[in-house]
Protein backbone atom coordinates (compact mmCIF):
# COMPACT_ATOMS: atom_id res chain seq x y z
CA MET A 1 36.92 64.61 -8.34
CA SER A 2 38.87 62.91 -10.61
CA THR A 3 38.26 59.66 -12.64
CA PRO A 4 40.97 56.79 -12.06
CA GLU A 5 42.61 56.22 -15.40
CA LYS A 6 41.93 52.76 -17.01
CA THR A 7 44.89 50.67 -17.50
CA THR A 8 45.10 47.50 -19.51
CA ASP A 9 47.94 45.24 -19.83
CA ASN A 10 47.52 42.11 -21.83
CA GLY A 11 51.00 42.25 -22.84
CA VAL A 12 50.63 43.44 -26.51
CA ASN A 13 52.46 46.88 -27.46
CA VAL A 14 49.60 48.29 -29.33
CA GLU A 15 51.60 51.50 -29.96
CA ALA A 16 54.51 49.70 -31.51
CA LEU A 17 51.84 48.01 -33.65
CA LEU A 18 49.87 50.98 -34.91
CA ASP A 19 53.37 53.01 -35.60
CA ALA A 20 53.98 49.98 -38.03
CA ARG A 21 50.96 50.04 -39.70
CA LYS A 22 51.58 54.12 -40.09
CA ALA A 23 55.07 53.13 -41.36
CA LEU A 24 54.05 50.55 -43.65
CA SER A 25 51.38 52.73 -45.09
CA GLU A 26 53.85 55.10 -46.59
CA ALA A 27 56.07 52.59 -47.53
CA PRO A 28 53.78 49.65 -48.74
CA GLU A 29 56.43 47.73 -50.36
CA ALA A 30 57.98 46.97 -46.77
CA ALA A 31 54.82 45.12 -46.05
CA GLN A 32 55.58 42.11 -48.43
CA PHE A 33 56.92 39.05 -46.13
CA MET A 34 57.96 35.51 -47.02
CA TRP A 35 57.67 32.97 -44.26
CA ARG A 36 59.54 30.13 -44.39
CA ALA A 37 59.69 26.49 -42.75
CA LYS A 38 62.15 23.85 -43.73
CA CYS A 39 61.10 20.11 -42.75
CA GLU A 40 63.36 16.94 -42.73
CA TRP A 41 62.27 13.17 -42.80
CA VAL A 42 63.34 11.54 -39.92
CA LYS A 43 62.05 8.14 -39.78
CA GLY A 44 58.75 6.38 -40.71
CA THR A 45 55.92 9.28 -40.39
CA HIS A 46 58.34 11.33 -38.19
CA SER A 47 59.59 14.76 -39.82
CA ARG A 48 60.98 17.55 -38.06
CA SER A 49 60.79 20.88 -39.12
CA THR A 50 62.33 24.29 -38.44
CA VAL A 51 61.43 27.93 -38.37
CA GLU A 52 64.30 30.46 -38.35
CA GLY A 53 64.49 33.24 -40.91
CA PHE A 54 62.03 34.82 -43.03
CA PHE A 55 61.88 38.01 -45.06
CA GLY A 56 60.07 41.28 -44.17
CA LEU A 57 60.58 45.21 -44.05
CA GLY A 58 62.74 44.88 -47.13
CA GLU A 59 65.14 42.48 -46.03
CA GLU A 60 66.37 39.11 -44.31
CA GLN A 61 64.93 38.46 -40.67
CA MET A 62 66.26 36.27 -37.85
CA HIS A 63 63.91 35.17 -35.18
CA LYS A 64 65.47 35.41 -31.54
CA THR A 65 66.09 31.22 -31.73
CA LYS A 66 65.45 28.62 -33.95
CA PHE A 67 61.99 26.80 -33.34
CA THR A 68 61.76 23.13 -34.06
CA PHE A 69 58.55 21.15 -34.22
CA ASP A 70 58.28 17.19 -34.37
CA ALA A 71 55.49 15.76 -36.56
CA ASP A 72 54.20 12.12 -36.65
CA HIS A 73 51.32 10.21 -36.64
CA PRO A 74 49.97 8.07 -33.50
CA GLU A 75 50.51 4.64 -32.95
CA VAL A 76 46.79 3.71 -34.03
CA PHE A 77 48.18 4.52 -37.43
CA ALA A 78 51.10 1.80 -36.98
CA SER A 79 53.41 5.25 -36.58
CA GLU A 80 55.77 5.94 -33.34
CA ASP A 81 53.90 8.82 -32.02
CA HIS A 82 56.96 11.17 -31.81
CA GLY A 83 55.14 14.33 -32.29
CA ALA A 84 51.65 16.02 -32.96
CA THR A 85 50.24 15.16 -36.39
CA PRO A 86 50.36 17.83 -38.83
CA VAL A 87 46.63 18.44 -38.90
CA GLU A 88 46.86 18.86 -35.02
CA ILE A 89 49.56 21.61 -36.00
CA VAL A 90 47.35 23.36 -38.27
CA LEU A 91 44.71 23.49 -35.47
CA ALA A 92 47.24 24.48 -33.01
CA GLY A 93 48.22 27.42 -35.49
CA LEU A 94 44.64 28.48 -36.00
CA ALA A 95 43.99 28.79 -32.32
CA SER A 96 47.33 30.78 -31.52
CA CYS A 97 46.57 33.05 -34.58
CA LEU A 98 43.39 33.66 -33.23
CA THR A 99 44.33 34.27 -29.56
CA ALA A 100 47.25 36.72 -30.48
CA GLY A 101 44.29 38.24 -32.15
CA ILE A 102 41.97 38.20 -29.45
CA ALA A 103 44.88 39.79 -26.85
CA SER A 104 45.44 42.57 -29.34
CA VAL A 105 42.04 43.82 -30.33
CA ALA A 106 41.20 43.69 -26.60
CA GLN A 107 44.21 45.73 -25.96
CA LEU A 108 43.71 48.16 -28.07
CA ARG A 109 40.15 48.44 -27.09
CA GLU A 110 41.09 48.88 -23.34
CA ILE A 111 39.99 45.47 -22.05
CA GLN A 112 41.52 43.63 -19.74
CA LEU A 113 41.65 40.01 -20.15
CA ARG A 114 42.03 37.81 -17.27
CA SER A 115 41.88 34.20 -19.11
CA VAL A 116 41.59 32.97 -22.45
CA SER A 117 41.38 29.50 -23.47
CA ALA A 118 40.56 27.85 -27.03
CA THR A 119 39.34 24.36 -27.79
CA VAL A 120 39.99 23.93 -31.56
CA GLU A 121 38.38 20.59 -33.51
CA GLY A 122 38.57 19.30 -36.42
CA GLY A 123 36.63 16.56 -38.00
CA MET A 124 37.58 14.22 -40.54
CA ASP A 125 36.87 10.86 -42.07
CA ILE A 126 40.42 9.12 -42.61
CA GLN A 127 38.91 6.82 -45.58
CA GLY A 128 40.13 9.78 -47.67
CA ILE A 129 43.89 9.65 -46.54
CA LEU A 130 44.08 6.12 -46.69
CA GLY A 131 42.77 6.36 -50.42
CA MET A 132 39.70 3.99 -49.46
CA ASP A 133 37.24 6.09 -50.92
CA SER A 134 37.84 8.73 -53.49
CA ASP A 135 34.80 10.58 -53.07
CA VAL A 136 36.26 11.09 -49.52
CA ARG A 137 38.04 14.35 -48.93
CA PRO A 138 41.32 13.70 -47.03
CA GLY A 139 41.23 17.07 -45.47
CA PHE A 140 38.92 18.50 -42.44
CA ASP A 141 35.17 18.01 -43.10
CA GLY A 142 35.06 21.02 -40.72
CA ILE A 143 36.87 23.11 -37.83
CA LYS A 144 34.88 24.28 -34.65
CA VAL A 145 36.82 26.83 -32.32
CA THR A 146 35.32 27.40 -28.81
CA TYR A 147 36.76 30.55 -26.54
CA LYS A 148 36.14 30.61 -23.05
CA ILE A 149 36.91 34.11 -22.26
CA ASP A 150 37.02 36.09 -19.00
CA ALA A 151 37.55 39.81 -19.37
CA ASP A 152 36.47 43.03 -17.91
CA ALA A 153 33.78 43.07 -20.73
CA THR A 154 30.11 42.62 -21.62
CA PRO A 155 29.42 39.48 -23.70
CA ASP A 156 28.87 41.27 -27.00
CA GLU A 157 32.24 43.21 -26.62
CA ILE A 158 33.60 39.71 -26.16
CA LYS A 159 32.17 38.47 -29.38
CA ALA A 160 33.29 41.49 -31.32
CA ILE A 161 36.96 41.01 -29.91
CA VAL A 162 36.43 37.31 -31.50
CA ALA A 163 35.08 38.82 -34.55
CA GLN A 164 37.74 40.99 -35.10
CA SER A 165 40.21 38.56 -34.49
CA GLN A 166 38.92 36.31 -37.09
CA LYS A 167 38.69 39.15 -39.84
CA ARG A 168 42.80 39.68 -39.31
CA SER A 169 43.78 36.69 -38.78
CA ALA A 170 46.29 35.23 -41.54
CA VAL A 171 45.59 31.45 -40.40
CA PHE A 172 41.88 31.79 -40.33
CA ASP A 173 42.28 33.59 -43.93
CA VAL A 174 44.68 30.36 -45.02
CA VAL A 175 42.51 27.71 -43.95
CA THR A 176 39.02 29.32 -44.79
CA ASN A 177 39.88 30.71 -48.29
CA PRO A 178 41.52 28.71 -51.26
CA THR A 179 45.26 29.31 -51.26
CA ASN A 180 47.47 28.45 -54.50
CA VAL A 181 49.95 25.70 -53.33
CA THR A 182 52.82 24.93 -55.58
CA VAL A 183 54.77 21.61 -55.24
CA GLU A 184 58.19 21.24 -56.87
CA VAL A 185 60.55 18.48 -57.30
CA ASN A 186 64.11 19.64 -57.41
């Protein structure tokens, strides 16, 4: 009696990712990427950022389409609320990066996902942003990510997938580790 072959399809081409990993181990200079976003002020606290091209694999690359993100502040900040706040965009980026990792790791481990949802919350005392108290940090005082995952896996396997996603997430690393940021005016 033959055992049915397990098929997992979370929409991630793990074979291509593993092939890329092998190719980059043979040409590590191609692994150097430069991501870019351009931001233009619209009016008030409203701005519009675009993402179109990046450098990677030794040359300029282009996305299939130009992506646009509007950012603003809510009316309770005396703004017009034309987009998510910049800090909400950071939270969305963190959730997206971790979730992509969960799908990839689950695919590699042949675990079928049925649903994955994340709630990401970041606490903040806005006295720091408003300059009311120089001892109050203007950024998050903490971020909490809560996942609900339905998969053909045990709770321990799901926790291991999430842990591996955190370990490999670029945005998790950016948010949890100091990153040098240089600001210039031309």
